[in-house]
């Protein structure tokens, strides 16, 4: 069972299944950054009485979403402070990957100032980058998945699991692992 990025799986299976390897290489990925920021509560005009916000592309912002972590999870920040996690980058803003952390934070702050009435500067900043971490389900992905699953079925006691295939959410990734394991066990039982 392989629970690795599709590009890594493509390399691993290249000698035993060139067709599977070729299809796996066709799955594109984008990167993103998660910028966590701590502020004094008085520096945020918005009440933050929500889980967060998703920013539509038409809004013209670089951030994709923000999670109001201190609202969602009490105790994530002191009573007089807030913790906001923002998500930036993705397939439509690949340039983020080449920016220095300071520039990424600057872009995030510009967007937060106009969306939640932020004023002041963060007391805590953390930038985490996830290069090539978000699979892109481009046009043709469903057909590609049929080819991948057909080629996968030709390999005994083998299964692919992960976010590159049928869903990026935690439940979908867990399910992909369960299905891959069940298929590998079934193949093993048949061969005995």
C-alpha atoms as a PDB file:
ATOM      1  CA  UNK A   1       0.000   0.000   0.000  1.00  0.00           C
ATOM      2  CA  UNK A   2       1.338   3.438  -0.929  1.00  0.00           C
ATOM      3  CA  UNK A   3       0.141   6.442   1.039  1.00  0.00           C
ATOM      4  CA  UNK A   4       2.569   8.907  -0.512  1.00  0.00           C
ATOM      5  CA  UNK A   5       2.178  11.858  -2.902  1.00  0.00           C
ATOM      6  CA  UNK A   6       1.201  10.804  -6.426  1.00  0.00           C
ATOM      7  CA  UNK A   7       4.551  11.939  -7.865  1.00  0.00           C
ATOM      8  CA  UNK A   8       6.404   9.749  -5.357  1.00  0.00           C
ATOM      9  CA  UNK A   9       4.100   6.813  -6.095  1.00  0.00           C
ATOM     10  CA  UNK A  10       4.777   7.331  -9.822  1.00  0.00           C
ATOM     11  CA  UNK A  11       8.508   6.895  -9.246  1.00  0.00           C
ATOM     12  CA  UNK A  12       8.036   3.826  -7.046  1.00  0.00           C
ATOM     13  CA  UNK A  13       5.780   1.972  -9.515  1.00  0.00           C
ATOM     14  CA  UNK A  14       7.576   3.069 -12.700  1.00  0.00           C
ATOM     15  CA  UNK A  15       9.329  -0.270 -13.270  1.00  0.00           C
ATOM     16  CA  UNK A  16       6.353  -2.516 -12.475  1.00  0.00           C
ATOM     17  CA  UNK A  17       3.616  -0.444 -14.126  1.00  0.00           C
ATOM     18  CA  UNK A  18       4.751   2.249 -16.569  1.00  0.00           C
ATOM     19  CA  UNK A  19       1.114   3.058 -17.457  1.00  0.00           C
ATOM     20  CA  UNK A  20       0.167   3.619 -13.818  1.00  0.00           C
ATOM     21  CA  UNK A  21       3.308   5.699 -13.323  1.00  0.00           C
ATOM     22  CA  UNK A  22       2.463   7.883 -16.324  1.00  0.00           C
ATOM     23  CA  UNK A  23      -1.086   8.542 -15.083  1.00  0.00           C
ATOM     24  CA  UNK A  24       0.125   9.366 -11.565  1.00  0.00           C
ATOM     25  CA  UNK A  25       2.626  11.876 -12.975  1.00  0.00           C
ATOM     26  CA  UNK A  26      -0.261  13.710 -14.662  1.00  0.00           C
ATOM     27  CA  UNK A  27      -1.867  14.691 -11.336  1.00  0.00           C
ATOM     28  CA  UNK A  28      -0.914  18.293 -10.687  1.00  0.00           C
ATOM     29  CA  UNK A  29      -0.311  19.797  -7.259  1.00  0.00           C
ATOM     30  CA  UNK A  30      -0.210  23.355  -5.947  1.00  0.00           C
ATOM     31  CA  UNK A  31       1.371  24.713  -2.808  1.00  0.00           C
ATOM     32  CA  UNK A  32       0.123  26.999  -0.099  1.00  0.00           C
ATOM     33  CA  UNK A  33       1.222  28.720   3.049  1.00  0.00           C
ATOM     34  CA  UNK A  34      -0.513  28.856   6.401  1.00  0.00           C
ATOM     35  CA  UNK A  35       0.185  32.093   8.224  1.00  0.00           C
ATOM     36  CA  UNK A  36      -0.718  32.095  11.919  1.00  0.00           C
ATOM     37  CA  UNK A  37      -0.967  35.507  13.542  1.00  0.00           C
ATOM     38  CA  UNK A  38      -1.586  36.576  17.127  1.00  0.00           C
ATOM     39  CA  UNK A  39      -3.061  40.007  17.880  1.00  0.00           C
ATOM     40  CA  UNK A  40      -4.311  41.989  20.831  1.00  0.00           C
ATOM     41  CA  UNK A  41      -8.097  41.751  20.709  1.00  0.00           C
ATOM     42  CA  UNK A  42      -8.337  45.558  20.563  1.00  0.00           C
ATOM     43  CA  UNK A  43      -6.493  45.484  17.201  1.00  0.00           C
ATOM     44  CA  UNK A  44      -9.370  43.691  15.442  1.00  0.00           C
ATOM     45  CA  UNK A  45     -12.609  45.561  14.679  1.00  0.00           C
ATOM     46  CA  UNK A  46     -14.500  42.404  13.659  1.00  0.00           C
ATOM     47  CA  UNK A  47     -16.085  40.397  16.483  1.00  0.00           C
ATOM     48  CA  UNK A  48     -14.586  37.146  15.116  1.00  0.00           C
ATOM     49  CA  UNK A  49     -17.693  35.318  16.390  1.00  0.00           C
ATOM     50  CA  UNK A  50     -17.422  32.733  13.637  1.00  0.00           C
ATOM     51  CA  UNK A  51     -15.279  29.761  12.693  1.00  0.00           C
ATOM     52  CA  UNK A  52     -13.607  31.816  10.011  1.00  0.00           C
ATOM     53  CA  UNK A  53     -14.142  33.032   6.470  1.00  0.00           C
ATOM     54  CA  UNK A  54     -13.584  31.882   2.926  1.00  0.00           C
ATOM     55  CA  UNK A  55     -12.546  34.559   0.456  1.00  0.00           C
ATOM     56  CA  UNK A  56     -13.915  34.192  -3.087  1.00  0.00           C
ATOM     57  CA  UNK A  57     -11.421  34.893  -5.871  1.00  0.00           C
ATOM     58  CA  UNK A  58     -13.656  37.690  -7.197  1.00  0.00           C
ATOM     59  CA  UNK A  59     -12.933  39.643  -3.986  1.00  0.00           C
ATOM     60  CA  UNK A  60      -9.445  40.341  -5.338  1.00  0.00           C
ATOM     61  CA  UNK A  61      -7.623  39.209  -2.204  1.00  0.00           C
ATOM     62  CA  UNK A  62      -4.605  36.923  -2.008  1.00  0.00           C
ATOM     63  CA  UNK A  63      -5.751  35.039   1.078  1.00  0.00           C
ATOM     64  CA  UNK A  64      -7.971  32.061   0.371  1.00  0.00           C
ATOM     65  CA  UNK A  65      -9.457  31.726   3.843  1.00  0.00           C
ATOM     66  CA  UNK A  66      -8.956  32.573   7.484  1.00  0.00           C
ATOM     67  CA  UNK A  67      -9.702  30.484  10.540  1.00  0.00           C
ATOM     68  CA  UNK A  68     -10.537  32.362  13.709  1.00  0.00           C
ATOM     69  CA  UNK A  69      -8.731  29.794  15.820  1.00  0.00           C
ATOM     70  CA  UNK A  70      -9.210  31.537  19.163  1.00  0.00           C
ATOM     71  CA  UNK A  71     -12.984  31.671  18.530  1.00  0.00           C
ATOM     72  CA  UNK A  72     -13.216  28.063  17.364  1.00  0.00           C
ATOM     73  CA  UNK A  73     -11.015  26.660  20.106  1.00  0.00           C
ATOM     74  CA  UNK A  74     -11.096  28.530  23.429  1.00  0.00           C
ATOM     75  CA  UNK A  75      -7.701  28.600  25.055  1.00  0.00           C
ATOM     76  CA  UNK A  76      -5.736  28.991  21.822  1.00  0.00           C
ATOM     77  CA  UNK A  77      -4.992  32.573  22.827  1.00  0.00           C
ATOM     78  CA  UNK A  78      -5.070  34.534  26.099  1.00  0.00           C
ATOM     79  CA  UNK A  79      -8.444  36.188  26.926  1.00  0.00           C
ATOM     80  CA  UNK A  80      -7.308  39.582  25.603  1.00  0.00           C
ATOM     81  CA  UNK A  81      -5.828  38.198  22.371  1.00  0.00           C
ATOM     82  CA  UNK A  82      -6.892  36.487  19.147  1.00  0.00           C
ATOM     83  CA  UNK A  83      -5.271  33.864  16.952  1.00  0.00           C
ATOM     84  CA  UNK A  84      -6.012  33.930  13.232  1.00  0.00           C
ATOM     85  CA  UNK A  85      -4.737  31.305  10.784  1.00  0.00           C
ATOM     86  CA  UNK A  86      -4.793  32.381   7.154  1.00  0.00           C
ATOM     87  CA  UNK A  87      -4.336  30.300   4.033  1.00  0.00           C
ATOM     88  CA  UNK A  88      -2.656  31.794   0.986  1.00  0.00           C
ATOM     89  CA  UNK A  89      -1.373  30.472  -2.328  1.00  0.00           C
ATOM     90  CA  UNK A  90      -2.937  27.651  -4.287  1.00  0.00           C
ATOM     91  CA  UNK A  91      -3.117  26.984  -7.995  1.00  0.00           C
ATOM     92  CA  UNK A  92      -4.266  30.501  -8.863  1.00  0.00           C
ATOM     93  CA  UNK A  93      -1.499  32.218  -6.879  1.00  0.00           C
ATOM     94  CA  UNK A  94       1.610  30.080  -7.348  1.00  0.00           C
ATOM     95  CA  UNK A  95       3.855  33.144  -6.917  1.00  0.00           C
ATOM     96  CA  UNK A  96       3.439  32.953  -3.145  1.00  0.00           C
ATOM     97  CA  UNK A  97       5.905  30.056  -3.060  1.00  0.00           C
ATOM     98  CA  UNK A  98       8.745  32.307  -4.217  1.00  0.00           C
ATOM     99  CA  UNK A  99       8.113  35.124  -1.736  1.00  0.00           C
ATOM    100  CA  UNK A 100      10.070  35.516   1.487  1.00  0.00           C
ATOM    101  CA  UNK A 101       8.127  34.945   4.707  1.00  0.00           C
ATOM    102  CA  UNK A 102       8.060  38.691   5.403  1.00  0.00           C
ATOM    103  CA  UNK A 103       6.414  39.344   2.026  1.00  0.00           C
ATOM    104  CA  UNK A 104       3.833  36.598   2.585  1.00  0.00           C
ATOM    105  CA  UNK A 105       2.956  38.098   5.976  1.00  0.00           C
ATOM    106  CA  UNK A 106       2.729  41.573   4.400  1.00  0.00           C
ATOM    107  CA  UNK A 107       0.222  40.283   1.801  1.00  0.00           C
ATOM    108  CA  UNK A 108      -1.845  38.578   4.501  1.00  0.00           C
ATOM    109  CA  UNK A 109      -1.928  41.718   6.656  1.00  0.00           C
ATOM    110  CA  UNK A 110      -3.084  43.842   3.708  1.00  0.00           C
ATOM    111  CA  UNK A 111      -6.035  41.506   3.179  1.00  0.00           C
ATOM    112  CA  UNK A 112      -6.918  41.207   6.875  1.00  0.00           C
ATOM    113  CA  UNK A 113      -6.910  44.988   7.290  1.00  0.00           C
ATOM    114  CA  UNK A 114      -9.630  45.313   4.644  1.00  0.00           C
ATOM    115  CA  UNK A 115     -11.683  42.220   5.516  1.00  0.00           C
ATOM    116  CA  UNK A 116     -11.844  42.214   9.329  1.00  0.00           C
ATOM    117  CA  UNK A 117     -10.813  45.760  10.172  1.00  0.00           C
ATOM    118  CA  UNK A 118      -7.412  44.815  11.482  1.00  0.00           C
ATOM    119  CA  UNK A 119      -5.168  47.577  12.774  1.00  0.00           C
ATOM    120  CA  UNK A 120      -1.940  47.126  14.628  1.00  0.00           C
ATOM    121  CA  UNK A 121       0.738  44.525  14.115  1.00  0.00           C
ATOM    122  CA  UNK A 122       0.827  40.888  15.164  1.00  0.00           C
ATOM    123  CA  UNK A 123       2.602  39.910  18.358  1.00  0.00           C
ATOM    124  CA  UNK A 124       3.094  36.368  17.067  1.00  0.00           C
ATOM    125  CA  UNK A 125       3.821  35.286  13.481  1.00  0.00           C
ATOM    126  CA  UNK A 126       4.376  31.801  12.113  1.00  0.00           C
ATOM    127  CA  UNK A 127       4.580  30.897   8.425  1.00  0.00           C
ATOM    128  CA  UNK A 128       4.295  27.248   7.421  1.00  0.00           C
ATOM    129  CA  UNK A 129       4.704  26.334   3.770  1.00  0.00           C
ATOM    130  CA  UNK A 130       3.243  23.276   2.091  1.00  0.00           C
ATOM    131  CA  UNK A 131       4.886  22.892  -1.315  1.00  0.00           C
ATOM    132  CA  UNK A 132       3.040  20.739  -3.861  1.00  0.00           C
ATOM    133  CA  UNK A 133       0.553  19.685  -1.202  1.00  0.00           C
ATOM    134  CA  UNK A 134      -2.845  20.358  -2.770  1.00  0.00           C
ATOM    135  CA  UNK A 135      -3.906  18.028  -5.575  1.00  0.00           C
ATOM    136  CA  UNK A 136      -5.653  19.785  -8.432  1.00  0.00           C
ATOM    137  CA  UNK A 137      -8.653  17.883  -9.742  1.00  0.00           C
ATOM    138  CA  UNK A 138      -8.415  19.339 -13.225  1.00  0.00           C
ATOM    139  CA  UNK A 139     -10.733  18.516 -16.112  1.00  0.00           C
ATOM    140  CA  UNK A 140     -10.227  14.844 -16.915  1.00  0.00           C
ATOM    141  CA  UNK A 141      -9.400  13.806 -13.336  1.00  0.00           C
ATOM    142  CA  UNK A 142     -12.338  11.384 -13.109  1.00  0.00           C
ATOM    143  CA  UNK A 143     -11.243   9.646 -16.314  1.00  0.00           C
ATOM    144  CA  UNK A 144      -7.627   9.591 -15.102  1.00  0.00           C
ATOM    145  CA  UNK A 145      -8.767   8.005 -11.842  1.00  0.00           C
ATOM    146  CA  UNK A 146     -10.525   5.225 -13.762  1.00  0.00           C
ATOM    147  CA  UNK A 147      -7.249   4.477 -15.570  1.00  0.00           C
ATOM    148  CA  UNK A 148      -5.291   4.644 -12.312  1.00  0.00           C
ATOM    149  CA  UNK A 149      -7.676   2.286 -10.523  1.00  0.00           C
ATOM    150  CA  UNK A 150      -7.635  -0.149 -13.477  1.00  0.00           C
ATOM    151  CA  UNK A 151      -3.823  -0.209 -13.524  1.00  0.00           C
ATOM    152  CA  UNK A 152      -3.729  -0.469  -9.734  1.00  0.00           C
ATOM    153  CA  UNK A 153      -6.014  -3.525  -9.844  1.00  0.00           C
ATOM    154  CA  UNK A 154      -3.461  -5.306 -12.039  1.00  0.00           C
ATOM    155  CA  UNK A 155      -0.893  -5.218  -9.223  1.00  0.00           C
ATOM    156  CA  UNK A 156      -1.423  -7.908  -6.612  1.00  0.00           C
ATOM    157  CA  UNK A 157      -1.684  -6.860  -2.946  1.00  0.00           C
ATOM    158  CA  UNK A 158      -1.232  -3.224  -3.899  1.00  0.00           C
ATOM    159  CA  UNK A 159      -3.234  -0.092  -3.174  1.00  0.00           C
ATOM    160  CA  UNK A 160      -2.919   3.672  -3.485  1.00  0.00           C
ATOM    161  CA  UNK A 161      -4.152   5.958  -0.732  1.00  0.00           C
ATOM    162  CA  UNK A 162      -4.086   9.684  -0.165  1.00  0.00           C
ATOM    163  CA  UNK A 163      -5.551  13.022  -1.122  1.00  0.00           C
ATOM    164  CA  UNK A 164      -4.497  12.904  -4.779  1.00  0.00           C
ATOM    165  CA  UNK A 165      -7.248  10.529  -5.798  1.00  0.00           C
ATOM    166  CA  UNK A 166     -10.859  10.949  -4.634  1.00  0.00           C
ATOM    167  CA  UNK A 167     -10.866  13.698  -2.046  1.00  0.00           C
ATOM    168  CA  UNK A 168      -8.682  16.001   0.028  1.00  0.00           C
ATOM    169  CA  UNK A 169     -10.731  15.923   3.223  1.00  0.00           C
ATOM    170  CA  UNK A 170      -9.621  13.837   6.170  1.00  0.00           C
ATOM    171  CA  UNK A 171     -12.616  11.444   5.862  1.00  0.00           C
ATOM    172  CA  UNK A 172     -11.866  10.832   2.160  1.00  0.00           C
ATOM    173  CA  UNK A 173      -8.169  10.234   2.814  1.00  0.00           C
ATOM    174  CA  UNK A 174      -8.946   7.790   5.638  1.00  0.00           C
ATOM    175  CA  UNK A 175     -11.453   5.995   3.429  1.00  0.00           C
ATOM    176  CA  UNK A 176      -8.894   5.720   0.626  1.00  0.00           C
ATOM    177  CA  UNK A 177      -6.497   4.050   3.060  1.00  0.00           C
ATOM    178  CA  UNK A 178      -9.169   1.663   4.293  1.00  0.00           C
ATOM    179  CA  UNK A 179     -10.116   0.677   0.735  1.00  0.00           C
ATOM    180  CA  UNK A 180      -6.476   0.219  -0.307  1.00  0.00           C
ATOM    181  CA  UNK A 181      -5.798  -1.949   2.754  1.00  0.00           C
ATOM    182  CA  UNK A 182      -8.954  -4.021   2.217  1.00  0.00           C
ATOM    183  CA  UNK A 183      -8.021  -4.640  -1.429  1.00  0.00           C
ATOM    184  CA  UNK A 184      -4.476  -5.655  -0.491  1.00  0.00           C
ATOM    185  CA  UNK A 185      -5.785  -8.049   2.182  1.00  0.00           C
ATOM    186  CA  UNK A 186      -8.339  -9.492  -0.251  1.00  0.00           C
ATOM    187  CA  UNK A 187      -5.612 -10.070  -2.844  1.00  0.00           C
ATOM    188  CA  UNK A 188      -3.434 -11.734  -0.213  1.00  0.00           C
ATOM    189  CA  UNK A 189      -6.277 -14.053   0.853  1.00  0.00           C
ATOM    190  CA  UNK A 190      -6.958 -15.047  -2.772  1.00  0.00           C
ATOM    191  CA  UNK A 191      -3.292 -15.887  -3.383  1.00  0.00           C
ATOM    192  CA  UNK A 192      -3.059 -18.197  -0.350  1.00  0.00           C
END
